[in-house]
Amino acid sequence: YKTPFKLGGTTAEVLAACGVAANDLWELKTGRRQKVSVNVEAAAGGLDEKNNSLAKNQDGEYSRIEGSESMKHMASLTQPWETSDHKWFLPHTNLKHLEARVLKVLECESTVESLQKAISKRTAQELEDSIAQANACGGIARTEEEWLQHPQGKYLSSVPVVEIAKIIDSPKESLSDKGDMPLSGVRVLDLTRILAGPVCGLTLAELGADVLMITAEKLPQVNEFVRDTSHGKRSCFLDITKKEDASKLKELVKDCDILIDGYRPDRLAAYGFGPEELVKLRPGLIHVSISCFGSGGPFSSRAGWDQVAQAVTGMCVKQGESIGSNKPELTPVFACDYVCGRLGAFGAMLALNRRAQDGGSYSIQVSLCQAAMLLQRQGYVDDFLDAPNLISKELFEKYQVIEDDTAYGDLKVLGPVLKLSETPCQWVRKTPKLGQDKPEWL
């Protein structure tokens, strides 16, 4: 990728950490350890699903799946734009209802020209405050130094990248001795969308967990993100605003090990599914919270996306300067999403280990901004402008997974990149169609 950030190397390190955590669980189960390895180039390829997801065309050949027009339109708007005080502000317009909130604040139309003109008339700080007040998403493109001096940056610098806290005491729980993978027998409820949360669930599925995705049929989705992060999972529809569906979810929670929450902070708590309520239903539960801004600080209640995290933490400014642009720029891939999701899975496995040895119900907190800060702390490379845009054909073929007759057609995709010598990571189920499964445990 044409970026100074060590995206492949950092992703490989986080994946290796997941491998070590899984290895520790495997040793608890069997008394044996195994070798963990990650190819850095393949790890970089795993950040770029849009170029590493192929579908069979009418000629019987596999070709890249074109992204949707709605995503292309979103990307054209979701960029840093210059403000009246000569700073830069990034509005986020993914999903129609969030775009509508942004356009209402800006009093403009859904075109690049109209949005750019509206932002040019407002100051950066006033925009950031107004967007947050409207429950929309966006952020000022700060430098890394400005972010580290900001109260939110200072808060995140004071806490671990992965926060693990015991919520309540509960009995020790031995890992299941059934199955032939580190997470065999582990049940995961994946209540997330787009993109870090689903990556967390995907990581756990690759290591053998039974991951059940739960979403309401009415909630908007991005089709290509659903396809690329659902491998190996099951999927069902439940609408927690309906009493019967909420009751069904509570029944699932009672037999669950890990619940991944990717909603706006405190959103699930409003429906009785906050961490404190959940651990009463299921003592021993591990609750993974994936947010944009983290567990505390003045921005903690705000929603956000990968691009917003890149903007506020300094990544956009560094990317723009490094490629010779006269403005802040986004990196070529959603690296914060993928790193954050893998970190969430890492934390969940550490908590499974603690539960097995000490008992307890645990809270895991990871965030897109922490992922962005981690990426910046890893340092930079200079010789990236000649980097290839794709991993090599030979490496892709080494890791490829071919799935015939899925809801998305016949697929050829980059498979799991993490390698364990005794229990290879794999997708044990065909990529599902949203809502195709029953809301029940296997």
Protein backbone atom coordinates (compact mmCIF):
# COMPACT_ATOMS: atom_id res chain seq x y z
CA TYR A 1 0.00 0.00 0.00
CA LYS A 2 1.13 3.54 -0.67
CA THR A 3 1.19 4.53 2.99
CA PRO A 4 3.97 5.18 5.51
CA PHE A 5 2.21 3.18 8.23
CA LYS A 6 3.37 -0.35 8.99
CA LEU A 7 -0.10 -1.75 8.34
CA GLY A 8 0.98 -5.27 7.42
CA GLY A 9 3.55 -5.57 10.19
CA THR A 10 1.25 -4.24 12.92
CA THR A 11 -1.63 -6.43 11.77
CA ALA A 12 0.71 -9.44 11.75
CA GLU A 13 1.80 -8.63 15.31
CA VAL A 14 -1.79 -8.40 16.53
CA LEU A 15 -2.66 -11.66 14.75
CA ALA A 16 0.40 -13.29 16.34
CA ALA A 17 -0.85 -12.10 19.75
CA CYS A 18 -4.20 -13.76 18.97
CA GLY A 19 -2.28 -16.92 18.08
CA VAL A 20 -0.39 -16.89 21.38
CA ALA A 21 -3.64 -16.35 23.33
CA ALA A 22 -5.26 -19.24 21.43
CA ASN A 23 -2.16 -21.36 22.06
CA ASP A 24 -2.46 -20.70 25.81
CA LEU A 25 -6.07 -21.90 25.70
CA TRP A 26 -5.02 -24.96 23.70
CA GLU A 27 -2.43 -25.77 26.37
CA LEU A 28 -5.10 -25.44 29.09
CA LYS A 29 -7.24 -27.92 27.17
CA THR A 30 -4.62 -30.43 26.09
CA GLY A 31 -1.33 -29.75 27.88
CA ARG A 32 0.32 -29.23 24.47
CA ARG A 33 1.61 -26.12 22.75
CA GLN A 34 1.95 -25.50 19.03
CA LYS A 35 3.83 -23.21 16.68
CA VAL A 36 2.29 -19.85 15.74
CA SER A 37 3.25 -18.01 12.54
CA VAL A 38 1.98 -15.11 10.44
CA ASN A 39 3.15 -13.98 6.99
CA VAL A 40 3.37 -10.17 7.01
CA GLU A 41 2.47 -9.75 3.32
CA ALA A 42 -0.56 -12.02 3.74
CA ALA A 43 -1.58 -10.05 6.85
CA ALA A 44 -1.46 -6.88 4.74
CA GLY A 45 -3.60 -8.60 2.11
CA GLY A 46 -6.17 -9.41 4.79
CA LEU A 47 -6.79 -5.68 5.22
CA ASP A 48 -7.81 -5.39 1.57
CA GLU A 49 -10.81 -7.67 1.18
CA LYS A 50 -12.19 -5.66 -1.75
CA ASN A 51 -9.21 -6.72 -3.89
CA ASN A 52 -8.94 -10.21 -2.42
CA SER A 53 -12.57 -11.30 -2.77
CA LEU A 54 -13.27 -12.78 -6.20
CA ALA A 55 -16.45 -14.23 -7.67
CA LYS A 56 -16.93 -16.53 -10.64
CA ASN A 57 -18.27 -14.64 -13.65
CA GLN A 58 -20.35 -15.83 -16.61
CA ASP A 59 -17.21 -17.03 -18.38
CA GLY A 60 -16.32 -19.29 -15.45
CA GLU A 61 -13.38 -17.08 -14.47
CA TYR A 62 -12.87 -15.51 -11.04
CA SER A 63 -12.73 -11.71 -11.06
CA ARG A 64 -12.76 -8.92 -8.51
CA ILE A 65 -16.22 -8.07 -7.17
CA GLU A 66 -17.09 -4.47 -7.96
CA GLY A 67 -18.04 -2.32 -4.99
CA SER A 68 -21.52 -0.83 -4.76
CA GLU A 69 -22.31 2.62 -6.13
CA SER A 70 -23.50 3.68 -2.66
CA MET A 71 -20.07 2.89 -1.18
CA LYS A 72 -18.32 4.79 -3.96
CA HIS A 73 -20.57 7.77 -3.29
CA MET A 74 -19.91 7.54 0.45
CA ALA A 75 -16.16 7.48 -0.15
CA SER A 76 -16.35 10.59 -2.33
CA LEU A 77 -18.01 12.55 0.51
CA THR A 78 -16.21 11.02 3.49
CA GLN A 79 -12.94 12.90 3.04
CA PRO A 80 -11.18 15.76 4.85
CA TRP A 81 -12.47 19.13 3.57
CA GLU A 82 -11.05 22.57 4.31
CA THR A 83 -12.93 24.74 6.81
CA SER A 84 -13.26 28.54 7.02
CA ASP A 85 -10.39 28.69 9.57
CA HIS A 86 -8.11 26.71 7.19
CA LYS A 87 -8.28 23.49 9.15
CA TRP A 88 -9.68 20.21 7.84
CA PHE A 89 -12.86 18.38 8.81
CA LEU A 90 -14.01 14.89 7.82
CA PRO A 91 -17.78 14.21 7.78
CA HIS A 92 -18.88 10.56 7.71
CA THR A 93 -21.78 9.67 5.43
CA ASN A 94 -22.03 5.86 5.52
CA LEU A 95 -25.63 4.59 5.97
CA LYS A 96 -28.50 6.78 4.81
CA HIS A 97 -29.75 7.89 8.24
CA LEU A 98 -26.27 9.04 9.31
CA GLU A 99 -25.73 10.83 6.02
CA ALA A 100 -29.06 12.63 6.51
CA ARG A 101 -27.93 13.91 9.91
CA VAL A 102 -24.68 15.25 8.46
CA LEU A 103 -26.46 16.96 5.55
CA LYS A 104 -28.97 18.51 7.94
CA VAL A 105 -26.18 20.04 10.06
CA LEU A 106 -24.38 21.29 6.95
CA GLU A 107 -27.59 22.40 5.22
CA CYS A 108 -26.34 20.99 1.94
CA GLU A 109 -27.05 18.36 -0.70
CA SER A 110 -25.47 14.94 -1.10
CA THR A 111 -22.86 16.02 -3.64
CA VAL A 112 -19.14 16.70 -3.30
CA GLU A 113 -19.56 20.29 -4.51
CA SER A 114 -22.39 21.14 -2.11
CA LEU A 115 -20.77 19.48 0.90
CA GLN A 116 -17.36 21.02 0.25
CA LYS A 117 -18.88 24.49 -0.07
CA ALA A 118 -20.89 24.09 3.16
CA ILE A 119 -17.83 22.99 5.15
CA SER A 120 -15.74 25.86 3.75
CA LYS A 121 -18.11 28.32 5.45
CA ARG A 122 -17.81 26.84 8.98
CA THR A 123 -15.00 26.58 11.51
CA ALA A 124 -13.61 23.14 12.28
CA GLN A 125 -14.47 23.20 16.00
CA GLU A 126 -18.02 24.40 15.41
CA LEU A 127 -18.50 21.61 12.86
CA GLU A 128 -17.17 18.92 15.18
CA ASP A 129 -19.40 20.11 18.03
CA SER A 130 -22.51 20.45 15.84
CA ILE A 131 -22.04 17.04 14.23
CA ALA A 132 -21.67 15.38 17.66
CA GLN A 133 -24.72 17.20 19.01
CA ALA A 134 -26.77 15.84 16.09
CA ASN A 135 -25.61 12.25 16.84
CA ALA A 136 -23.89 12.28 13.46
CA CYS A 137 -20.27 11.30 12.81
CA GLY A 138 -17.22 13.32 11.89
CA GLY A 139 -14.01 14.81 13.24
CA ILE A 140 -11.31 17.43 12.86
CA ALA A 141 -8.17 16.21 11.07
CA ARG A 142 -5.64 16.83 13.83
CA THR A 143 -1.93 16.15 13.91
CA GLU A 144 -0.74 13.33 16.17
CA GLU A 145 0.71 15.93 18.55
CA GLU A 146 -2.59 17.84 18.69
CA TRP A 147 -4.45 14.62 19.44
CA LEU A 148 -2.10 13.63 22.25
CA GLN A 149 -2.71 17.05 23.84
CA HIS A 150 -6.49 16.75 23.42
CA PRO A 151 -8.38 15.49 26.52
CA GLN A 152 -9.58 12.41 24.61
CA GLY A 153 -6.10 11.60 23.36
CA LYS A 154 -4.69 12.10 26.85
CA TYR A 155 -7.29 9.74 28.29
CA LEU A 156 -6.59 6.98 25.77
CA SER A 157 -2.84 7.38 26.36
CA SER A 158 -3.46 6.67 30.06
CA VAL A 159 -5.16 3.29 29.58
CA PRO A 160 -4.10 0.01 27.92
CA VAL A 161 -4.75 -0.63 24.23
CA VAL A 162 -6.90 -3.59 25.36
CA GLU A 163 -8.70 -2.94 28.64
CA ILE A 164 -9.74 -5.99 30.65
CA ALA A 165 -11.74 -5.64 33.86
CA LYS A 166 -13.57 -8.14 36.05
CA ILE A 167 -17.25 -7.14 36.33
CA ILE A 168 -18.32 -9.67 38.97
CA ASP A 169 -16.97 -12.82 40.60
CA SER A 170 -18.24 -16.12 39.27
CA PRO A 171 -17.03 -19.76 39.40
CA LYS A 172 -14.12 -21.06 37.33
CA GLU A 173 -15.15 -22.57 34.00
CA SER A 174 -12.98 -25.20 32.33
CA LEU A 175 -12.69 -25.04 28.56
CA SER A 176 -14.65 -27.62 26.61
CA ASP A 177 -12.64 -30.74 25.81
CA LYS A 178 -14.80 -31.32 22.73
CA GLY A 179 -13.67 -30.39 19.24
CA ASP A 180 -10.25 -30.11 17.71
CA MET A 181 -9.61 -26.34 17.76
CA PRO A 182 -8.63 -23.90 20.55
CA LEU A 183 -12.11 -22.34 20.73
CA SER A 184 -14.20 -25.44 20.02
CA GLY A 185 -17.22 -25.32 22.31
CA VAL A 186 -17.00 -21.55 22.83
CA ARG A 187 -20.24 -19.73 21.99
CA VAL A 188 -20.13 -16.17 20.70
CA LEU A 189 -22.96 -13.69 20.08
CA ASP A 190 -21.87 -11.16 17.46
CA LEU A 191 -24.10 -8.07 17.77
CA THR A 192 -22.07 -5.89 15.43
CA ARG A 193 -22.00 -4.33 11.96
CA ILE A 194 -19.43 -2.68 9.72
CA LEU A 195 -16.48 -3.52 10.32
CA ALA A 196 -14.35 -3.87 13.47
CA GLY A 197 -16.95 -5.88 15.40
CA PRO A 198 -17.51 -8.43 12.63
CA VAL A 199 -13.70 -8.82 12.31
CA CYS A 200 -13.58 -9.65 16.03
CA GLY A 201 -16.21 -12.37 15.51
CA LEU A 202 -14.44 -13.60 12.37
CA THR A 203 -11.18 -14.03 14.30
CA LEU A 204 -12.93 -16.14 16.95
CA ALA A 205 -14.71 -18.20 14.26
CA GLU A 206 -11.38 -18.95 12.55
CA LEU A 207 -10.16 -20.45 15.83
CA GLY A 208 -13.17 -22.74 16.21
CA ALA A 209 -15.85 -20.77 18.07
CA ASP A 210 -19.55 -21.06 17.20
CA VAL A 211 -20.24 -17.44 16.22
CA LEU A 212 -23.90 -16.44 15.83
CA MET A 213 -24.41 -13.05 14.20
CA ILE A 214 -27.54 -11.24 15.38
CA THR A 215 -29.02 -8.23 13.65
CA ALA A 216 -32.48 -6.87 12.97
CA GLU A 217 -33.74 -7.28 9.42
CA LYS A 218 -34.61 -3.57 9.31
CA LEU A 219 -31.07 -2.38 10.10
CA PRO A 220 -29.05 -1.06 7.13
CA GLN A 221 -25.97 -3.01 6.08
CA VAL A 222 -23.12 -2.71 3.58
CA ASN A 223 -23.39 -5.85 1.48
CA GLU A 224 -19.70 -6.27 0.67
CA PHE A 225 -18.68 -5.87 4.32
CA VAL A 226 -21.23 -8.46 5.40
CA ARG A 227 -19.91 -10.90 2.81
CA ASP A 228 -16.26 -10.40 3.69
CA THR A 229 -16.63 -10.71 7.49
CA SER A 230 -19.25 -13.49 7.79
CA HIS A 231 -17.06 -16.44 6.79
CA GLY A 232 -17.47 -19.37 9.16
CA LYS A 233 -20.31 -17.76 11.14
CA ARG A 234 -24.05 -18.32 11.40
CA SER A 235 -26.59 -15.49 11.04
CA CYS A 236 -30.09 -14.83 12.39
CA PHE A 237 -32.52 -11.94 12.72
CA LEU A 238 -33.74 -10.68 16.10
CA ASP A 239 -35.21 -7.23 16.76
CA ILE A 240 -34.60 -6.35 20.41
CA THR A 241 -37.22 -3.58 20.24
CA LYS A 242 -39.76 -6.43 20.11
CA LYS A 243 -40.53 -8.19 23.40
CA GLU A 244 -40.50 -11.72 21.97
CA ASP A 245 -37.18 -11.23 20.19
CA ALA A 246 -35.61 -9.59 23.25
CA SER A 247 -36.66 -12.59 25.32
CA LYS A 248 -35.11 -14.93 22.76
CA LEU A 249 -31.84 -13.01 22.90
CA LYS A 250 -31.81 -13.30 26.70
CA GLU A 251 -32.19 -17.07 26.37
CA LEU A 252 -29.21 -17.16 23.99
CA VAL A 253 -27.16 -15.04 26.41
CA LYS A 254 -27.68 -17.59 29.21
CA ASP A 255 -25.68 -20.19 27.26
CA CYS A 256 -23.15 -17.77 25.75
CA ASP A 257 -19.45 -17.32 26.53
CA ILE A 258 -18.61 -14.09 24.67
CA LEU A 259 -20.87 -11.24 23.53
CA ILE A 260 -19.47 -8.65 21.10
CA ASP A 261 -21.20 -5.27 21.32
CA GLY A 262 -20.55 -2.88 18.43
CA TYR A 263 -23.47 -0.51 19.00
CA ARG A 264 -23.18 3.17 19.88
CA PRO A 265 -22.06 3.37 23.55
CA ASP A 266 -24.91 2.55 25.99
CA ARG A 267 -27.33 1.82 23.13
CA LEU A 268 -27.86 -1.83 24.12
CA ALA A 269 -28.03 -0.88 27.81
CA ALA A 270 -31.15 1.17 27.02
CA TYR A 271 -32.86 -2.11 26.06
CA GLY A 272 -31.65 -4.04 29.11
CA PHE A 273 -28.56 -5.54 27.46
CA GLY A 274 -25.79 -3.57 29.17
CA PRO A 275 -22.83 -5.49 30.65
CA GLU A 276 -24.20 -5.36 34.21
CA GLU A 277 -27.56 -6.82 33.15
CA LEU A 278 -25.95 -9.43 30.90
CA VAL A 279 -23.67 -10.87 33.59
CA LYS A 280 -26.71 -11.32 35.85
CA LEU A 281 -28.28 -13.43 33.11
CA ARG A 282 -25.02 -15.25 32.49
CA PRO A 283 -22.36 -15.14 35.26
CA GLY A 284 -19.04 -15.80 33.57
CA LEU A 285 -19.93 -13.89 30.40
CA ILE A 286 -17.17 -11.99 28.58
CA HIS A 287 -18.48 -8.70 27.18
CA VAL A 288 -16.44 -7.15 24.36
CA SER A 289 -17.18 -3.48 23.66
CA ILE A 290 -15.94 -2.09 20.34
CA SER A 291 -16.25 1.69 20.00
CA CYS A 292 -14.63 4.56 18.15
CA PHE A 293 -13.40 6.66 21.06
CA GLY A 294 -12.89 4.19 23.90
CA SER A 295 -13.97 3.56 27.47
CA GLY A 296 -13.84 7.12 28.83
CA GLY A 297 -12.94 10.72 28.14
CA PRO A 298 -15.08 13.56 26.75
CA PHE A 299 -15.72 11.82 23.39
CA SER A 300 -16.55 8.36 24.80
CA SER A 301 -20.29 8.61 24.11
CA ARG A 302 -19.76 9.57 20.45
CA ALA A 303 -20.17 7.13 17.60
CA GLY A 304 -17.56 6.96 14.88
CA TRP A 305 -15.94 5.00 12.11
CA ASP A 306 -12.47 4.04 10.88
CA GLN A 307 -12.18 7.24 8.83
CA VAL A 308 -13.12 9.40 11.82
CA ALA A 309 -10.48 7.68 13.97
CA GLN A 310 -7.89 8.23 11.24
CA ALA A 311 -8.81 11.93 11.07
CA VAL A 312 -8.83 12.84 14.75
CA THR A 313 -5.71 10.89 15.81
CA GLY A 314 -3.30 12.24 13.20
CA MET A 315 -3.25 9.43 10.65
CA CYS A 316 -4.82 11.52 7.87
CA VAL A 317 -2.36 14.37 8.30
CA LYS A 318 0.61 11.97 8.25
CA GLN A 319 -0.75 10.09 5.22
CA GLY A 320 -1.26 13.32 3.27
CA GLU A 321 2.19 14.69 4.08
CA SER A 322 3.86 11.39 3.20
CA ILE A 323 2.36 11.08 -0.27
CA GLY A 324 2.97 14.73 -1.13
CA SER A 325 -0.66 15.81 -0.97
CA ASN A 326 -1.62 19.35 -0.04
CA LYS A 327 -4.35 18.04 2.28
CA PRO A 328 -4.90 15.26 4.84
CA GLU A 329 -5.68 11.90 3.23
CA LEU A 330 -7.16 8.56 4.31
CA THR A 331 -5.04 5.42 4.16
CA PRO A 332 -5.84 2.98 1.31
CA VAL A 333 -7.53 0.43 3.63
CA PHE A 334 -9.62 0.35 6.81
CA ALA A 335 -6.66 -0.69 8.97
CA CYS A 336 -8.12 0.70 12.22
CA ASP A 337 -11.19 -1.51 11.82
CA TYR A 338 -9.18 -4.67 11.27
CA VAL A 339 -6.60 -4.02 14.00
CA CYS A 340 -9.33 -3.04 16.48
CA GLY A 341 -11.38 -6.15 15.72
CA ARG A 342 -8.39 -8.47 16.15
CA LEU A 343 -7.51 -6.72 19.42
CA GLY A 344 -11.04 -7.39 20.65
CA ALA A 345 -10.64 -11.10 19.91
CA PHE A 346 -7.25 -11.09 21.68
CA GLY A 347 -8.83 -9.55 24.79
CA ALA A 348 -11.71 -12.03 24.72
CA MET A 349 -9.29 -14.97 24.68
CA LEU A 350 -7.25 -13.52 27.55
CA ALA A 351 -10.49 -13.26 29.52
CA LEU A 352 -11.43 -16.87 28.67
CA ASN A 353 -8.08 -17.89 30.15
CA ARG A 354 -8.66 -15.84 33.31
CA ARG A 355 -12.17 -17.28 33.67
CA ALA A 356 -10.80 -20.82 33.41
CA GLN A 357 -8.13 -20.24 36.04
CA ASP A 358 -9.66 -17.64 38.38
CA GLY A 359 -13.37 -17.41 37.52
CA GLY A 360 -15.18 -14.13 36.91
CA SER A 361 -17.19 -12.19 34.34
CA TYR A 362 -15.13 -9.76 32.27
CA SER A 363 -15.41 -6.53 30.31
CA ILE A 364 -13.13 -5.99 27.29
CA GLN A 365 -12.82 -2.49 25.81
CA VAL A 366 -11.12 -1.76 22.49
CA SER A 367 -11.51 1.22 20.17
CA LEU A 368 -10.73 2.46 16.68
CA CYS A 369 -8.81 5.42 18.10
CA GLN A 370 -6.60 3.14 20.20
CA ALA A 371 -5.92 1.08 17.06
CA ALA A 372 -4.99 4.28 15.18
CA MET A 373 -2.68 5.35 18.00
CA LEU A 374 -1.05 1.92 18.06
CA LEU A 375 -0.43 2.08 14.31
CA GLN A 376 1.27 5.46 14.71
CA ARG A 377 3.45 4.30 17.61
CA GLN A 378 4.85 1.48 15.47
CA GLY A 379 6.82 3.98 13.40
CA TYR A 380 6.96 4.55 9.66
CA VAL A 381 8.60 3.33 6.46
CA ASP A 382 10.12 5.51 3.75
CA ASP A 383 10.18 3.32 0.66
CA PHE A 384 6.47 2.85 0.17
CA LEU A 385 5.64 4.87 -2.96
CA ASP A 386 6.66 1.96 -5.19
CA ALA A 387 4.71 -0.58 -3.15
CA PRO A 388 2.47 -2.95 -5.15
CA ASN A 389 -1.24 -2.50 -4.63
CA LEU A 390 -1.85 -6.25 -4.32
CA ILE A 391 -0.22 -9.22 -2.64
CA SER A 392 1.46 -11.63 -5.05
CA LYS A 393 -0.64 -14.12 -7.01
CA GLU A 394 1.39 -16.99 -5.53
CA LEU A 395 0.73 -15.85 -1.95
CA PHE A 396 -2.97 -15.37 -2.61
CA GLU A 397 -3.21 -18.91 -3.98
CA LYS A 398 -1.42 -20.26 -0.90
CA TYR A 399 -4.10 -18.84 1.40
CA GLN A 400 -7.14 -18.89 -0.88
CA VAL A 401 -10.45 -20.47 0.11
CA ILE A 402 -12.90 -21.48 -2.60
CA GLU A 403 -16.59 -21.56 -1.67
CA ASP A 404 -19.14 -22.68 -4.24
CA ASP A 405 -22.82 -21.81 -4.26
CA THR A 406 -22.90 -19.20 -1.50
CA ALA A 407 -25.53 -16.46 -1.24
CA TYR A 408 -22.94 -14.27 -3.01
CA GLY A 409 -22.15 -16.77 -5.79
CA ASP A 410 -19.07 -18.93 -6.22
CA LEU A 411 -16.31 -17.21 -4.25
CA LYS A 412 -12.53 -17.34 -4.15
CA VAL A 413 -11.21 -15.30 -1.22
CA LEU A 414 -8.10 -14.79 0.88
CA GLY A 415 -8.54 -17.20 3.78
CA PRO A 416 -7.29 -17.10 7.39
CA VAL A 417 -3.78 -15.69 7.62
CA LEU A 418 -2.92 -16.80 11.16
CA LYS A 419 -1.21 -20.20 11.15
CA LEU A 420 -1.22 -22.69 14.05
CA SER A 421 0.81 -25.85 13.47
CA GLU A 422 -1.57 -28.36 15.07
CA THR A 423 -4.98 -26.73 14.65
CA PRO A 424 -5.04 -24.77 11.34
CA CYS A 425 -7.37 -21.78 11.35
CA GLN A 426 -10.32 -22.40 9.07
CA TRP A 427 -13.91 -21.49 8.29
CA VAL A 428 -15.93 -24.56 9.17
CA ARG A 429 -19.16 -23.20 7.66
CA LYS A 430 -20.04 -21.73 4.29
CA THR A 431 -20.43 -17.94 4.26
CA PRO A 432 -24.07 -17.39 5.25
CA LYS A 433 -26.79 -15.18 3.93
CA LEU A 434 -27.96 -12.67 6.54
CA GLY A 435 -30.75 -14.16 8.65
CA GLN A 436 -30.57 -17.67 7.19
CA ASP A 437 -30.15 -19.49 10.53
CA LYS A 438 -32.37 -20.05 13.54
CA PRO A 439 -31.62 -18.13 16.76
CA GLU A 440 -30.29 -21.15 18.62
CA TRP A 441 -27.04 -22.78 19.70
CA LEU A 442 -25.75 -25.83 17.91
